[in-house]
């Protein structure tokens, strides 16, 4: 796996959780309705889910059993931290 963005916190979480659940990138992409290379861009940090891919992000969170608020805001939903 190529690391395009060393500060790719969200992509690292997605990849780790996907592996924990025993799912492939191909499976996630198919279920979300995108091409596998597009999903890979999210994991590798080329495209950031927090920057306009909301619909895909919600579907990915659902499949990976992740809370989208915690994923995007690191638990700081209201910006109080």
N, C-alpha and C. Protein backbone atom coordinates (compact mmCIF):
# COMPACT_ATOMS: atom_id res chain seq x y z
N UNK A 1 0.85 -1.18 0.00
CA UNK A 1 0.00 0.00 0.00
C UNK A 1 0.89 1.24 0.00
N UNK A 2 0.63 2.12 -0.90
CA UNK A 2 1.40 3.35 -1.05
C UNK A 2 0.85 4.41 -0.11
N UNK A 3 1.73 5.11 0.61
CA UNK A 3 1.30 6.13 1.56
C UNK A 3 1.44 7.51 0.94
N UNK A 4 0.38 8.03 0.37
CA UNK A 4 0.40 9.34 -0.28
C UNK A 4 0.40 10.48 0.72
N UNK A 5 -0.23 10.27 1.86
CA UNK A 5 -0.41 11.34 2.83
C UNK A 5 -0.12 10.79 4.21
N UNK A 6 1.02 11.14 4.78
CA UNK A 6 1.41 10.57 6.06
C UNK A 6 0.49 10.98 7.20
N UNK A 7 -0.26 12.05 7.05
CA UNK A 7 -1.22 12.48 8.06
C UNK A 7 -2.63 12.03 7.71
N UNK A 8 -2.75 10.96 7.01
CA UNK A 8 -4.03 10.45 6.53
C UNK A 8 -4.75 9.67 7.63
N UNK A 9 -5.17 10.35 8.68
CA UNK A 9 -5.81 9.71 9.82
C UNK A 9 -7.06 8.95 9.42
N UNK A 10 -7.91 9.55 8.64
CA UNK A 10 -9.18 8.92 8.26
C UNK A 10 -8.91 7.67 7.40
N UNK A 11 -8.05 7.79 6.42
CA UNK A 11 -7.73 6.65 5.57
C UNK A 11 -7.14 5.49 6.34
N UNK A 12 -6.29 5.79 7.31
CA UNK A 12 -5.70 4.74 8.13
C UNK A 12 -6.76 4.03 8.96
N UNK A 13 -7.72 4.79 9.47
CA UNK A 13 -8.82 4.20 10.24
C UNK A 13 -9.65 3.30 9.34
N UNK A 14 -9.97 3.78 8.13
CA UNK A 14 -10.76 2.99 7.19
C UNK A 14 -10.06 1.67 6.86
N UNK A 15 -8.78 1.75 6.54
CA UNK A 15 -8.03 0.55 6.17
C UNK A 15 -7.93 -0.44 7.32
N UNK A 16 -7.63 0.08 8.51
CA UNK A 16 -7.51 -0.79 9.68
C UNK A 16 -8.82 -1.49 9.98
N UNK A 17 -9.91 -0.74 9.96
CA UNK A 17 -11.21 -1.32 10.28
C UNK A 17 -11.65 -2.33 9.21
N UNK A 18 -11.37 -2.01 7.96
CA UNK A 18 -11.71 -2.92 6.87
C UNK A 18 -11.01 -4.27 7.05
N UNK A 19 -9.74 -4.22 7.40
CA UNK A 19 -8.97 -5.45 7.62
C UNK A 19 -9.51 -6.20 8.84
N UNK A 20 -9.82 -5.46 9.92
CA UNK A 20 -10.39 -6.10 11.13
C UNK A 20 -11.66 -6.87 10.80
N UNK A 21 -12.47 -6.33 9.90
CA UNK A 21 -13.73 -6.97 9.53
C UNK A 21 -13.56 -8.03 8.44
N UNK A 22 -12.33 -8.17 7.94
CA UNK A 22 -12.06 -9.17 6.91
C UNK A 22 -12.66 -8.84 5.56
N UNK A 23 -12.79 -7.54 5.28
CA UNK A 23 -13.38 -7.10 4.02
C UNK A 23 -12.30 -6.64 3.05
N UNK A 24 -12.59 -6.72 1.77
CA UNK A 24 -11.65 -6.26 0.75
C UNK A 24 -12.03 -4.85 0.29
N UNK A 25 -11.07 -4.18 -0.29
CA UNK A 25 -11.34 -2.87 -0.88
C UNK A 25 -12.37 -3.01 -1.99
N UNK A 26 -12.29 -4.10 -2.73
CA UNK A 26 -13.23 -4.34 -3.82
C UNK A 26 -14.66 -4.46 -3.29
N UNK A 27 -14.82 -5.17 -2.18
CA UNK A 27 -16.15 -5.35 -1.60
C UNK A 27 -16.74 -4.01 -1.15
N UNK A 28 -15.93 -3.23 -0.43
CA UNK A 28 -16.41 -1.92 0.05
C UNK A 28 -16.81 -1.06 -1.15
N UNK A 29 -15.97 -1.00 -2.16
CA UNK A 29 -16.26 -0.18 -3.35
C UNK A 29 -17.56 -0.62 -4.01
N UNK A 30 -17.74 -1.92 -4.16
CA UNK A 30 -18.95 -2.44 -4.79
C UNK A 30 -20.20 -2.07 -4.00
N UNK A 31 -20.14 -2.23 -2.69
CA UNK A 31 -21.29 -1.92 -1.83
C UNK A 31 -21.61 -0.42 -1.81
N UNK A 32 -20.57 0.40 -1.89
CA UNK A 32 -20.76 1.86 -1.88
C UNK A 32 -21.23 2.36 -3.24
N UNK A 33 -20.88 1.62 -4.29
CA UNK A 33 -21.27 2.02 -5.64
C UNK A 33 -20.22 2.86 -6.34
N UNK A 34 -18.97 2.62 -5.99
CA UNK A 34 -17.86 3.33 -6.62
C UNK A 34 -16.85 2.31 -7.14
N UNK A 35 -15.93 2.77 -7.97
CA UNK A 35 -14.87 1.90 -8.47
C UNK A 35 -13.84 1.65 -7.37
N UNK A 36 -13.21 0.48 -7.42
CA UNK A 36 -12.19 0.14 -6.42
C UNK A 36 -11.09 1.20 -6.33
N UNK A 37 -10.57 1.72 -7.45
CA UNK A 37 -9.54 2.76 -7.34
C UNK A 37 -10.02 4.01 -6.58
N UNK A 38 -11.30 4.33 -6.70
CA UNK A 38 -11.82 5.49 -5.95
C UNK A 38 -11.78 5.20 -4.46
N UNK A 39 -12.20 4.01 -4.05
CA UNK A 39 -12.13 3.68 -2.62
C UNK A 39 -10.68 3.69 -2.15
N UNK A 40 -9.78 3.15 -2.96
CA UNK A 40 -8.37 3.14 -2.58
C UNK A 40 -7.86 4.56 -2.35
N UNK A 41 -8.34 5.51 -3.12
CA UNK A 41 -7.93 6.91 -2.94
C UNK A 41 -8.32 7.42 -1.55
N UNK A 42 -9.44 6.96 -1.03
CA UNK A 42 -9.84 7.35 0.32
C UNK A 42 -8.88 6.77 1.36
N UNK A 43 -8.56 5.49 1.21
CA UNK A 43 -7.64 4.85 2.17
C UNK A 43 -6.24 5.43 2.08
N UNK A 44 -5.79 5.75 0.87
CA UNK A 44 -4.42 6.23 0.68
C UNK A 44 -4.26 7.72 0.94
N UNK A 45 -5.37 8.43 1.13
CA UNK A 45 -5.29 9.84 1.44
C UNK A 45 -5.24 10.75 0.23
N UNK A 46 -5.44 10.20 -0.97
CA UNK A 46 -5.46 11.02 -2.18
C UNK A 46 -6.74 11.86 -2.19
N UNK A 47 -7.86 11.26 -1.79
CA UNK A 47 -9.14 11.95 -1.64
C UNK A 47 -9.56 11.83 -0.19
N UNK A 48 -10.04 12.91 0.37
CA UNK A 48 -10.42 12.92 1.77
C UNK A 48 -11.94 12.90 1.90
N UNK A 49 -12.45 11.95 2.66
CA UNK A 49 -13.90 11.86 2.86
C UNK A 49 -14.48 13.12 3.49
N UNK A 50 -13.69 13.83 4.24
CA UNK A 50 -14.17 15.03 4.91
C UNK A 50 -14.32 16.21 3.95
N UNK A 51 -13.84 16.06 2.73
CA UNK A 51 -13.85 17.16 1.77
C UNK A 51 -14.82 16.93 0.63
N UNK A 52 -16.06 16.64 0.92
CA UNK A 52 -17.07 16.63 -0.12
C UNK A 52 -17.58 15.28 -0.59
N UNK A 53 -17.13 14.20 -0.03
CA UNK A 53 -17.59 12.88 -0.43
C UNK A 53 -18.52 12.32 0.64
N UNK A 54 -19.41 13.15 1.13
CA UNK A 54 -20.26 12.84 2.27
C UNK A 54 -21.10 11.58 2.06
N UNK A 55 -21.74 11.47 0.92
CA UNK A 55 -22.60 10.32 0.63
C UNK A 55 -21.79 9.02 0.68
N UNK A 56 -20.64 9.01 0.05
CA UNK A 56 -19.79 7.82 0.07
C UNK A 56 -19.28 7.56 1.48
N UNK A 57 -18.93 8.62 2.17
CA UNK A 57 -18.42 8.48 3.53
C UNK A 57 -19.41 7.83 4.46
N UNK A 58 -20.67 8.21 4.36
CA UNK A 58 -21.69 7.60 5.22
C UNK A 58 -21.87 6.12 4.90
N UNK A 59 -21.86 5.77 3.63
CA UNK A 59 -21.99 4.37 3.25
C UNK A 59 -20.79 3.55 3.74
N UNK A 60 -19.60 4.12 3.61
CA UNK A 60 -18.40 3.42 4.06
C UNK A 60 -18.44 3.24 5.58
N UNK A 61 -18.83 4.28 6.30
CA UNK A 61 -18.94 4.17 7.76
C UNK A 61 -19.94 3.09 8.15
N UNK A 62 -21.05 3.01 7.45
CA UNK A 62 -22.05 1.99 7.72
C UNK A 62 -21.46 0.59 7.52
N UNK A 63 -20.77 0.38 6.42
CA UNK A 63 -20.18 -0.92 6.14
C UNK A 63 -19.09 -1.31 7.12
N UNK A 64 -18.31 -0.32 7.56
CA UNK A 64 -17.19 -0.58 8.47
C UNK A 64 -17.57 -0.41 9.94
N UNK A 65 -18.87 -0.17 10.18
CA UNK A 65 -19.38 -0.03 11.55
C UNK A 65 -18.62 1.05 12.32
N UNK A 66 -18.45 2.20 11.68
CA UNK A 66 -17.77 3.35 12.27
C UNK A 66 -18.75 4.49 12.46
N UNK A 67 -18.55 5.28 13.51
CA UNK A 67 -19.36 6.47 13.75
C UNK A 67 -18.79 7.61 12.91
N UNK A 68 -19.55 8.14 11.96
CA UNK A 68 -19.01 9.19 11.09
C UNK A 68 -18.59 10.44 11.84
N UNK A 69 -19.27 10.77 12.93
CA UNK A 69 -18.88 11.95 13.71
C UNK A 69 -17.52 11.77 14.34
N UNK A 70 -17.30 10.62 14.93
CA UNK A 70 -16.00 10.35 15.55
C UNK A 70 -14.90 10.28 14.51
N UNK A 71 -15.21 9.71 13.35
CA UNK A 71 -14.22 9.60 12.29
C UNK A 71 -13.79 10.97 11.79
N UNK A 72 -14.74 11.83 11.51
CA UNK A 72 -14.43 13.14 10.93
C UNK A 72 -13.95 14.17 11.95
N UNK A 73 -14.48 14.09 13.16
CA UNK A 73 -14.16 15.12 14.15
C UNK A 73 -13.32 14.62 15.31
N UNK A 74 -12.81 13.41 15.21
CA UNK A 74 -12.00 12.81 16.27
C UNK A 74 -12.71 12.89 17.62
N UNK A 75 -14.02 12.74 17.63
CA UNK A 75 -14.79 12.77 18.86
C UNK A 75 -15.16 14.16 19.31
N UNK A 76 -14.59 15.20 18.69
CA UNK A 76 -14.84 16.60 19.05
C UNK A 76 -15.89 17.19 18.12
N UNK A 77 -17.13 16.74 18.27
CA UNK A 77 -18.20 17.13 17.36
C UNK A 77 -18.48 18.62 17.39
N UNK A 78 -18.41 19.24 18.54
CA UNK A 78 -18.78 20.66 18.67
C UNK A 78 -17.59 21.60 18.69
N UNK A 79 -16.38 21.07 18.53
CA UNK A 79 -15.20 21.94 18.49
C UNK A 79 -14.80 22.48 19.84
N UNK A 80 -15.16 21.77 20.91
CA UNK A 80 -14.88 22.26 22.25
C UNK A 80 -13.50 21.84 22.78
N UNK A 81 -12.87 20.91 22.12
CA UNK A 81 -11.59 20.42 22.64
C UNK A 81 -10.45 21.27 22.17
